[in-house]
PDB file of N, CA and C in Angstrom:
ATOM      1  N   ILE A   1      41.925 158.558  11.238  1.00  0.00           N
ATOM      2  CA  ILE A   1      42.609 159.295  10.376  1.00  0.00           C
ATOM      3  C   ILE A   1      43.017 159.172   8.977  1.00  0.00           C
ATOM      4  N   GLU A   2      42.074 158.965   8.754  1.00  0.00           N
ATOM      5  CA  GLU A   2      42.184 158.968   6.955  1.00  0.00           C
ATOM      6  C   GLU A   2      40.850 160.206   7.090  1.00  0.00           C
ATOM      7  N   VAL A   3      40.219 160.554   8.357  1.00  0.00           N
ATOM      8  CA  VAL A   3      39.304 162.134   8.275  1.00  0.00           C
ATOM      9  C   VAL A   3      40.032 162.830   7.980  1.00  0.00           C
ATOM     10  N   LEU A   4      40.996 162.594   8.901  1.00  0.00           N
ATOM     11  CA  LEU A   4      42.561 163.492   9.161  1.00  0.00           C
ATOM     12  C   LEU A   4      43.233 164.605   7.878  1.00  0.00           C
ATOM     13  N   LYS A   5      43.526 163.322   6.810  1.00  0.00           N
ATOM     14  CA  LYS A   5      44.133 163.300   6.000  1.00  0.00           C
ATOM     15  C   LYS A   5      43.233 163.557   4.695  1.00  0.00           C
ATOM     16  N   LYS A   6      42.160 164.102   4.822  1.00  0.00           N
ATOM     17  CA  LYS A   6      41.430 164.760   3.550  1.00  0.00           C
ATOM     18  C   LYS A   6      40.753 165.613   4.109  1.00  0.00           C
ATOM     19  N   ASN A   7      40.703 166.317   4.870  1.00  0.00           N
ATOM     20  CA  ASN A   7      41.305 167.300   6.006  1.00  0.00           C
ATOM     21  C   ASN A   7      39.243 167.889   6.512  1.00  0.00           C
ATOM     22  N   PHE A   8      38.152 167.063   6.423  1.00  0.00           N
ATOM     23  CA  PHE A   8      37.271 166.870   6.295  1.00  0.00           C
ATOM     24  C   PHE A   8      36.853 166.905   7.846  1.00  0.00           C
ATOM     25  N   SER A   9      35.708 167.984   8.464  1.00  0.00           N
ATOM     26  CA  SER A   9      35.066 168.526   9.733  1.00  0.00           C
ATOM     27  C   SER A   9      34.507 167.846  10.073  1.00  0.00           C
ATOM     28  N   LEU A  10      33.279 167.056  10.801  1.00  0.00           N
ATOM     29  CA  LEU A  10      32.596 166.456  11.645  1.00  0.00           C
ATOM     30  C   LEU A  10      31.646 167.064  11.271  1.00  0.00           C
ATOM     31  N   LYS A  11      31.729 169.119  11.960  1.00  0.00           N
ATOM     32  CA  LYS A  11      31.328 169.910  12.013  1.00  0.00           C
ATOM     33  C   LYS A  11      30.725 170.995  10.694  1.00  0.00           C
ATOM     34  N   SER A  12      31.040 170.130  10.081  1.00  0.00           N
ATOM     35  CA  SER A  12      31.414 171.035   9.160  1.00  0.00           C
ATOM     36  C   SER A  12      29.556 170.832   8.269  1.00  0.00           C
ATOM     37  N   ILE A  13      29.216 169.476   8.918  1.00  0.00           N
ATOM     38  CA  ILE A  13      27.819 168.359   8.231  1.00  0.00           C
ATOM     39  C   ILE A  13      27.065 168.828   8.836  1.00  0.00           C
ATOM     40  N   ASN A  14      26.431 169.230  10.229  1.00  0.00           N
ATOM     41  CA  ASN A  14      25.317 169.826  10.890  1.00  0.00           C
ATOM     42  C   ASN A  14      24.194 169.994  10.436  1.00  0.00           C
ATOM     43  N   ASN A  15      24.837 171.426   8.659  1.00  0.00           N
ATOM     44  CA  ASN A  15      23.689 171.978   7.908  1.00  0.00           C
ATOM     45  C   ASN A  15      22.970 171.183   6.777  1.00  0.00           C
ATOM     46  N   LEU A  16      23.354 170.072   6.455  1.00  0.00           N
ATOM     47  CA  LEU A  16      23.653 169.432   5.081  1.00  0.00           C
ATOM     48  C   LEU A  16      22.264 168.366   5.853  1.00  0.00           C
ATOM     49  N   ASP A  17      22.042 167.623   4.671  1.00  0.00           N
ATOM     50  CA  ASP A  17      20.312 166.908   4.791  1.00  0.00           C
ATOM     51  C   ASP A  17      20.448 165.445   5.109  1.00  0.00           C
ATOM     52  N   ASP A  18      20.285 164.949   5.659  1.00  0.00           N
ATOM     53  CA  ASP A  18      20.725 163.588   6.136  1.00  0.00           C
ATOM     54  C   ASP A  18      21.378 162.426   5.388  1.00  0.00           C
ATOM     55  N   HIS A  19      20.706 162.478   3.816  1.00  0.00           N
ATOM     56  CA  HIS A  19      21.063 161.878   2.989  1.00  0.00           C
ATOM     57  C   HIS A  19      22.819 162.722   2.404  1.00  0.00           C
ATOM     58  N   MET A  20      22.743 163.470   2.336  1.00  0.00           N
ATOM     59  CA  MET A  20      23.862 164.129   2.235  1.00  0.00           C
ATOM     60  C   MET A  20      24.727 163.325   2.923  1.00  0.00           C
ATOM     61  N   ILE A  21      24.709 163.506   4.381  1.00  0.00           N
ATOM     62  CA  ILE A  21      25.444 163.317   5.224  1.00  0.00           C
ATOM     63  C   ILE A  21      26.153 162.117   5.312  1.00  0.00           C
ATOM     64  N   ILE A  22      24.833 161.085   4.714  1.00  0.00           N
ATOM     65  CA  ILE A  22      25.162 159.249   4.881  1.00  0.00           C
ATOM     66  C   ILE A  22      25.852 159.190   3.661  1.00  0.00           C
ATOM     67  N   LYS A  23      25.609 159.666   2.404  1.00  0.00           N
ATOM     68  CA  LYS A  23      27.330 159.832   1.243  1.00  0.00           C
ATOM     69  C   LYS A  23      28.547 160.206   1.806  1.00  0.00           C
ATOM     70  N   ILE A  24      28.840 161.286   2.803  1.00  0.00           N
ATOM     71  CA  ILE A  24      30.117 161.456   2.975  1.00  0.00           C
ATOM     72  C   ILE A  24      30.669 160.983   4.152  1.00  0.00           C
ATOM     73  N   LEU A  25      30.055 159.921   4.514  1.00  0.00           N
ATOM     74  CA  LEU A  25      30.063 159.507   5.772  1.00  0.00           C
ATOM     75  C   LEU A  25      30.409 158.105   4.894  1.00  0.00           C
ATOM     76  N   THR A  26      29.960 158.324   3.942  1.00  0.00           N
ATOM     77  CA  THR A  26      29.443 155.977   3.740  1.00  0.00           C
ATOM     78  C   THR A  26      31.223 155.823   2.614  1.00  0.00           C
ATOM     79  N   SER A  27      31.169 157.442   2.480  1.00  0.00           N
ATOM     80  CA  SER A  27      32.539 157.618   1.496  1.00  0.00           C
ATOM     81  C   SER A  27      33.828 156.835   1.700  1.00  0.00           C
ATOM     82  N   TYR A  28      33.863 156.918   3.310  1.00  0.00           N
ATOM     83  CA  TYR A  28      34.763 156.421   3.670  1.00  0.00           C
ATOM     84  C   TYR A  28      35.230 155.146   4.636  1.00  0.00           C
ATOM     85  N   LYS A  29      36.149 154.825   4.203  1.00  0.00           N
ATOM     86  CA  LYS A  29      36.835 153.002   4.438  1.00  0.00           C
ATOM     87  C   LYS A  29      36.273 153.220   5.610  1.00  0.00           C
ATOM     88  N   GLY A  30      35.189 151.642   6.213  1.00  0.00           N
ATOM     89  CA  GLY A  30      34.536 151.358   7.120  1.00  0.00           C
ATOM     90  C   GLY A  30      33.735 152.488   8.289  1.00  0.00           C
ATOM     91  N   ILE A  31      32.932 153.387   7.372  1.00  0.00           N
ATOM     92  CA  ILE A  31      31.861 153.830   8.002  1.00  0.00           C
ATOM     93  C   ILE A  31      30.705 152.853   6.695  1.00  0.00           C
ATOM     94  N   GLY A  32      30.039 152.759   7.619  1.00  0.00           N
ATOM     95  CA  GLY A  32      28.607 152.361   6.749  1.00  0.00           C
ATOM     96  C   GLY A  32      27.399 152.729   6.891  1.00  0.00           C
ATOM     97  N   PRO A  33      25.942 152.585   6.092  1.00  0.00           N
ATOM     98  CA  PRO A  33      24.402 152.912   6.338  1.00  0.00           C
ATOM     99  C   PRO A  33      25.143 152.711   7.733  1.00  0.00           C
ATOM    100  N   TRP A  34      24.584 152.073   8.707  1.00  0.00           N
ATOM    101  CA  TRP A  34      24.605 151.640  10.046  1.00  0.00           C
ATOM    102  C   TRP A  34      24.983 153.053  10.968  1.00  0.00           C
ATOM    103  N   THR A  35      26.177 152.876  10.686  1.00  0.00           N
ATOM    104  CA  THR A  35      27.214 154.123  11.659  1.00  0.00           C
ATOM    105  C   THR A  35      26.685 155.180  11.279  1.00  0.00           C
ATOM    106  N   SER A  36      26.360 155.133  10.457  1.00  0.00           N
ATOM    107  CA  SER A  36      26.144 157.057   9.319  1.00  0.00           C
ATOM    108  C   SER A  36      24.734 157.391  10.570  1.00  0.00           C
ATOM    109  N   GLN A  37      23.646 156.592  10.412  1.00  0.00           N
ATOM    110  CA  GLN A  37      23.214 156.687  10.569  1.00  0.00           C
ATOM    111  C   GLN A  37      22.328 156.893  12.093  1.00  0.00           C
ATOM    112  N   MET A  38      23.696 156.430  13.237  1.00  0.00           N
ATOM    113  CA  MET A  38      23.848 156.040  14.435  1.00  0.00           C
ATOM    114  C   MET A  38      24.419 157.747  14.924  1.00  0.00           C
ATOM    115  N   PHE A  39      25.301 158.242  13.734  1.00  0.00           N
ATOM    116  CA  PHE A  39      25.998 159.316  14.169  1.00  0.00           C
ATOM    117  C   PHE A  39      25.189 160.673  14.001  1.00  0.00           C
ATOM    118  N   LEU A  40      23.814 160.191  12.909  1.00  0.00           N
ATOM    119  CA  LEU A  40      22.894 160.999  13.519  1.00  0.00           C
ATOM    120  C   LEU A  40      22.040 161.195  13.986  1.00  0.00           C
ATOM    121  N   MET A  41      22.191 160.882  14.566  1.00  0.00           N
ATOM    122  CA  MET A  41      20.896 159.885  15.620  1.00  0.00           C
ATOM    123  C   MET A  41      20.945 160.432  16.847  1.00  0.00           C
ATOM    124  N   PHE A  42      22.217 160.385  16.960  1.00  0.00           N
ATOM    125  CA  PHE A  42      23.132 160.116  18.597  1.00  0.00           C
ATOM    126  C   PHE A  42      23.551 161.996  18.650  1.00  0.00           C
ATOM    127  N   ALA A  43      24.266 161.938  17.689  1.00  0.00           N
ATOM    128  CA  ALA A  43      25.840 163.175  18.011  1.00  0.00           C
ATOM    129  C   ALA A  43      25.079 164.832  16.784  1.00  0.00           C
ATOM    130  N   LEU A  44      24.782 164.033  16.053  1.00  0.00           N
ATOM    131  CA  LEU A  44      23.993 166.178  15.085  1.00  0.00           C
ATOM    132  C   LEU A  44      21.973 166.052  15.822  1.00  0.00           C
ATOM    133  N   LYS A  45      21.752 164.560  16.869  1.00  0.00           N
ATOM    134  CA  LYS A  45      20.046 164.993  16.966  1.00  0.00           C
ATOM    135  C   LYS A  45      18.804 164.588  16.157  1.00  0.00           C
ATOM    136  N   ARG A  46      19.781 164.542  14.802  1.00  0.00           N
ATOM    137  CA  ARG A  46      18.242 164.097  14.311  1.00  0.00           C
ATOM    138  C   ARG A  46      17.158 163.232  14.511  1.00  0.00           C
ATOM    139  N   LEU A  47      15.962 163.974  14.086  1.00  0.00           N
ATOM    140  CA  LEU A  47      14.492 163.484  15.194  1.00  0.00           C
ATOM    141  C   LEU A  47      14.227 162.433  13.974  1.00  0.00           C
ATOM    142  N   ASP A  48      14.696 162.027  12.964  1.00  0.00           N
ATOM    143  CA  ASP A  48      13.996 161.289  11.510  1.00  0.00           C
ATOM    144  C   ASP A  48      14.261 160.677  11.137  1.00  0.00           C
ATOM    145  N   ILE A  49      15.318 159.734  12.022  1.00  0.00           N
ATOM    146  CA  ILE A  49      16.480 158.724  11.735  1.00  0.00           C
ATOM    147  C   ILE A  49      15.386 156.693  11.216  1.00  0.00           C
ATOM    148  N   PHE A  50      15.451 156.415  10.948  1.00  0.00           N
ATOM    149  CA  PHE A  50      15.252 155.028  11.334  1.00  0.00           C
ATOM    150  C   PHE A  50      16.090 153.846  10.437  1.00  0.00           C
ATOM    151  N   SER A  51      17.172 152.846  11.046  1.00  0.00           N
ATOM    152  CA  SER A  51      17.861 152.650  10.364  1.00  0.00           C
ATOM    153  C   SER A  51      17.314 151.086  10.438  1.00  0.00           C
ATOM    154  N   ILE A  52      16.635 150.433   8.985  1.00  0.00           N
ATOM    155  CA  ILE A  52      16.718 149.234   8.995  1.00  0.00           C
ATOM    156  C   ILE A  52      17.515 148.005   9.149  1.00  0.00           C
ATOM    157  N   SER A  53      18.898 148.320   9.402  1.00  0.00           N
ATOM    158  CA  SER A  53      20.062 147.330   8.771  1.00  0.00           C
ATOM    159  C   SER A  53      20.286 147.371  10.436  1.00  0.00           C
ATOM    160  N   ASP A  54      20.131 147.758  11.797  1.00  0.00           N
ATOM    161  CA  ASP A  54      19.477 147.476  13.032  1.00  0.00           C
ATOM    162  C   ASP A  54      18.320 146.178  13.436  1.00  0.00           C
ATOM    163  N   ILE A  55      19.625 145.052  13.971  1.00  0.00           N
ATOM    164  CA  ILE A  55      18.734 143.964  13.782  1.00  0.00           C
ATOM    165  C   ILE A  55      18.215 143.744  15.263  1.00  0.00           C
ATOM    166  N   ALA A  56      18.502 145.278  16.275  1.00  0.00           N
ATOM    167  CA  ALA A  56      17.734 144.966  17.164  1.00  0.00           C
ATOM    168  C   ALA A  56      16.128 146.240  17.456  1.00  0.00           C
ATOM    169  N   LEU A  57      16.961 146.603  16.535  1.00  0.00           N
ATOM    170  CA  LEU A  57      15.047 147.515  15.878  1.00  0.00           C
ATOM    171  C   LEU A  57      14.086 146.432  14.503  1.00  0.00           C
ATOM    172  N   ARG A  58      14.988 145.576  14.525  1.00  0.00           N
ATOM    173  CA  ARG A  58      13.471 144.719  13.896  1.00  0.00           C
ATOM    174  C   ARG A  58      13.204 143.483  14.127  1.00  0.00           C
ATOM    175  N   ARG A  59      14.136 143.141  15.181  1.00  0.00           N
ATOM    176  CA  ARG A  59      14.051 142.226  16.180  1.00  0.00           C
ATOM    177  C   ARG A  59      11.999 142.666  17.166  1.00  0.00           C
ATOM    178  N   ALA A  60      12.244 144.180  17.801  1.00  0.00           N
ATOM    179  CA  ALA A  60      11.324 145.040  18.689  1.00  0.00           C
ATOM    180  C   ALA A  60      10.365 145.078  17.256  1.00  0.00           C
ATOM    181  N   ILE A  61      10.353 145.413  16.318  1.00  0.00           N
ATOM    182  CA  ILE A  61       9.418 145.606  15.037  1.00  0.00           C
ATOM    183  C   ILE A  61       8.141 144.293  15.519  1.00  0.00           C
ATOM    184  N   SER A  62       9.060 143.219  15.424  1.00  0.00           N
ATOM    185  CA  SER A  62       8.821 142.203  15.185  1.00  0.00           C
ATOM    186  C   SER A  62       8.218 140.601  16.360  1.00  0.00           C
ATOM    187  N   GLU A  63       8.707 141.181  17.064  1.00  0.00           N
ATOM    188  CA  GLU A  63       7.365 141.063  18.333  1.00  0.00           C
ATOM    189  C   GLU A  63       6.934 141.881  19.001  1.00  0.00           C
ATOM    190  N   ILE A  64       6.705 143.050  18.896  1.00  0.00           N
ATOM    191  CA  ILE A  64       5.432 144.269  19.021  1.00  0.00           C
ATOM    192  C   ILE A  64       4.207 144.150  18.123  1.00  0.00           C
ATOM    193  N   TYR A  65       4.962 143.470  16.511  1.00  0.00           N
ATOM    194  CA  TYR A  65       3.579 143.927  15.018  1.00  0.00           C
ATOM    195  C   TYR A  65       3.096 142.193  15.013  1.00  0.00           C
ATOM    196  N   GLY A  66       4.378 141.400  15.212  1.00  0.00           N
ATOM    197  CA  GLY A  66       3.883 140.323  14.473  1.00  0.00           C
ATOM    198  C   GLY A  66       4.651 139.185  13.138  1.00  0.00           C
ATOM    199  N   ILE A  67       5.903 140.512  13.001  1.00  0.00           N
ATOM    200  CA  ILE A  67       6.206 139.905  11.353  1.00  0.00           C
ATOM    201  C   ILE A  67       7.300 139.626  11.610  1.00  0.00           C
ATOM    202  N   ASP A  68       7.885 138.663  10.494  1.00  0.00           N
ATOM    203  CA  ASP A  68       9.269 138.412  10.176  1.00  0.00           C
ATOM    204  C   ASP A  68      10.262 139.470   9.848  1.00  0.00           C
ATOM    205  N   GLN A  69      11.368 139.360  11.255  1.00  0.00           N
ATOM    206  CA  GLN A  69      12.273 140.120  11.284  1.00  0.00           C
ATOM    207  C   GLN A  69      13.260 140.847   9.694  1.00  0.00           C
ATOM    208  N   ASN A  70      12.606 139.918   8.876  1.00  0.00           N
ATOM    209  CA  ASN A  70      12.766 140.398   7.597  1.00  0.00           C
ATOM    210  C   ASN A  70      12.668 141.019   6.586  1.00  0.00           C
ATOM    211  N   ASN A  71      11.533 141.006   7.185  1.00  0.00           N
ATOM    212  CA  ASN A  71      10.429 141.321   5.964  1.00  0.00           C
ATOM    213  C   ASN A  71      10.363 142.750   5.835  1.00  0.00           C
ATOM    214  N   PHE A  72      11.541 143.515   5.116  1.00  0.00           N
ATOM    215  CA  PHE A  72      12.644 144.375   5.321  1.00  0.00           C
ATOM    216  C   PHE A  72      11.321 145.751   4.274  1.00  0.00           C
ATOM    217  N   LYS A  73      10.391 145.138   4.189  1.00  0.00           N
ATOM    218  CA  LYS A  73       8.972 145.931   3.442  1.00  0.00           C
ATOM    219  C   LYS A  73       8.224 146.508   4.100  1.00  0.00           C
ATOM    220  N   LYS A  74       7.676 145.320   4.845  1.00  0.00           N
ATOM    221  CA  LYS A  74       6.820 145.704   6.108  1.00  0.00           C
ATOM    222  C   LYS A  74       7.450 146.547   6.791  1.00  0.00           C
ATOM    223  N   ILE A  75       8.347 146.917   7.320  1.00  0.00           N
ATOM    224  CA  ILE A  75       8.871 146.616   8.435  1.00  0.00           C
ATOM    225  C   ILE A  75       9.360 148.340   8.224  1.00  0.00           C
ATOM    226  N   LYS A  76       9.745 148.936   6.683  1.00  0.00           N
ATOM    227  CA  LYS A  76      10.058 149.510   5.951  1.00  0.00           C
ATOM    228  C   LYS A  76       8.734 151.219   6.203  1.00  0.00           C
ATOM    229  N   TYR A  77       7.556 149.523   6.268  1.00  0.00           N
ATOM    230  CA  TYR A  77       5.859 150.388   6.155  1.00  0.00           C
ATOM    231  C   TYR A  77       5.850 151.155   7.387  1.00  0.00           C
ATOM    232  N   ILE A  78       5.551 149.942   8.743  1.00  0.00           N
ATOM    233  CA  ILE A  78       5.214 150.566   9.481  1.00  0.00           C
ATOM    234  C   ILE A  78       6.351 151.538  10.391  1.00  0.00           C
ATOM    235  N   SER A  79       7.473 151.764  10.116  1.00  0.00           N
ATOM    236  CA  SER A  79       8.064 152.457  10.033  1.00  0.00           C
ATOM    237  C   SER A  79       7.850 154.409   9.484  1.00  0.00           C
ATOM    238  N   ASP A  80       7.625 154.163   8.351  1.00  0.00           N
ATOM    239  CA  ASP A  80       7.347 155.830   7.458  1.00  0.00           C
ATOM    240  C   ASP A  80       6.267 155.947   8.699  1.00  0.00           C
ATOM    241  N   LYS A  81       5.102 155.290   9.570  1.00  0.00           N
ATOM    242  CA  LYS A  81       4.656 155.778   9.688  1.00  0.00           C
ATOM    243  C   LYS A  81       5.026 156.664  10.455  1.00  0.00           C
ATOM    244  N   TRP A  82       6.049 156.713  11.475  1.00  0.00           N
ATOM    245  CA  TRP A  82       6.513 157.875  12.869  1.00  0.00           C
ATOM    246  C   TRP A  82       6.902 158.334  12.698  1.00  0.00           C
ATOM    247  N   LYS A  83       7.787 158.958  11.016  1.00  0.00           N
ATOM    248  CA  LYS A  83       7.451 160.263  10.392  1.00  0.00           C
ATOM    249  C   LYS A  83       7.003 161.392  11.276  1.00  0.00           C
ATOM    250  N   PRO A  84       7.706 162.722  11.646  1.00  0.00           N
ATOM    251  CA  PRO A  84       8.920 163.283  11.688  1.00  0.00           C
ATOM    252  C   PRO A  84       9.904 162.643  12.852  1.00  0.00           C
ATOM    253  N   TYR A  85       9.564 161.761  13.611  1.00  0.00           N
ATOM    254  CA  TYR A  85       9.936 161.356  14.599  1.00  0.00           C
ATOM    255  C   TYR A  85      10.425 160.360  14.876  1.00  0.00           C
ATOM    256  N   ARG A  86      10.940 159.070  13.976  1.00  0.00           N
ATOM    257  CA  ARG A  86      11.430 158.104  13.548  1.00  0.00           C
ATOM    258  C   ARG A  86      13.149 157.701  15.301  1.00  0.00           C
ATOM    259  N   SER A  87      13.278 158.087  14.775  1.00  0.00           N
ATOM    260  CA  SER A  87      14.566 158.552  15.858  1.00  0.00           C
ATOM    261  C   SER A  87      14.155 158.249  17.355  1.00  0.00           C
ATOM    262  N   ILE A  88      13.095 159.053  18.330  1.00  0.00           N
ATOM    263  CA  ILE A  88      12.836 158.686  19.644  1.00  0.00           C
ATOM    264  C   ILE A  88      11.853 157.519  19.394  1.00  0.00           C
ATOM    265  N   VAL A  89      11.241 156.690  18.583  1.00  0.00           N
ATOM    266  CA  VAL A  89      10.664 155.933  18.359  1.00  0.00           C
ATOM    267  C   VAL A  89      11.447 154.722  18.818  1.00  0.00           C
ATOM    268  N   CYS A  90      13.008 154.707  17.941  1.00  0.00           N
ATOM    269  CA  CYS A  90      13.898 154.092  17.926  1.00  0.00           C
ATOM    270  C   CYS A  90      14.355 153.422  19.601  1.00  0.00           C
ATOM    271  N   TRP A  91      14.630 154.302  19.829  1.00  0.00           N
ATOM    272  CA  TRP A  91      15.108 154.595  21.438  1.00  0.00           C
ATOM    273  C   TRP A  91      13.808 153.587  22.294  1.00  0.00           C
ATOM    274  N   TYR A  92      12.494 154.528  22.434  1.00  0.00           N
ATOM    275  CA  TYR A  92      11.750 153.442  22.956  1.00  0.00           C
ATOM    276  C   TYR A  92      11.663 151.927  22.292  1.00  0.00           C
ATOM    277  N   LEU A  93      11.753 151.402  21.415  1.00  0.00           N
ATOM    278  CA  LEU A  93      12.393 150.413  20.654  1.00  0.00           C
ATOM    279  C   LEU A  93      13.211 149.338  21.239  1.00  0.00           C
ATOM    280  N   TRP A  94      14.441 150.069  21.241  1.00  0.00           N
ATOM    281  CA  TRP A  94      15.642 149.529  21.975  1.00  0.00           C
ATOM    282  C   TRP A  94      15.653 149.697  23.344  1.00  0.00           C
ATOM    283  N   GLU A  95      14.584 150.324  24.430  1.00  0.00           N
ATOM    284  CA  GLU A  95      14.264 150.205  25.524  1.00  0.00           C
ATOM    285  C   GLU A  95      13.573 148.683  25.795  1.00  0.00           C
ATOM    286  N   TYR A  96      12.348 149.431  25.204  1.00  0.00           N
ATOM    287  CA  TYR A  96      11.484 147.952  25.350  1.00  0.00           C
ATOM    288  C   TYR A  96      12.173 146.572  25.436  1.00  0.00           C
ATOM    289  N   LEU A  97      13.929 146.774  24.198  1.00  0.00           N
ATOM    290  CA  LEU A  97      14.501 145.487  24.578  1.00  0.00           C
ATOM    291  C   LEU A  97      15.196 145.277  25.525  1.00  0.00           C
ATOM    292  N   GLY A  98      15.626 146.336  26.512  1.00  0.00           N
ATOM    293  CA  GLY A  98      16.593 146.926  26.803  1.00  0.00           C
ATOM    294  C   GLY A  98      18.185 146.643  26.689  1.00  0.00           C
ATOM    295  N   VAL A  99      18.588 147.043  24.894  1.00  0.00           N
ATOM    296  CA  VAL A  99      19.269 147.345  25.221  1.00  0.00           C
ATOM    297  C   VAL A  99      19.900 149.229  25.057  1.00  0.00           C
TER     298      VAL A  99
END
């Protein structure tokens, strides 16, 4: 309903860059970074999205690389190596966990 009140169209943001879309979406109550990143990944089919707040992704990386799942700096370092296809790697990491 909030989206409708502000006369906002999700289709209109498709040509914006990822950071701008996240900024717009998170300006709405109840939509946070994770939700915005999942929208980019699944609805807009963006190929270079990595959500460090996704606990499953952190757990998979922790298991595969033998690091603490709360070591955000190391996880970011690892995930940066997957650019520009981080979304695809995320799909494989979720599959690895069976989620």
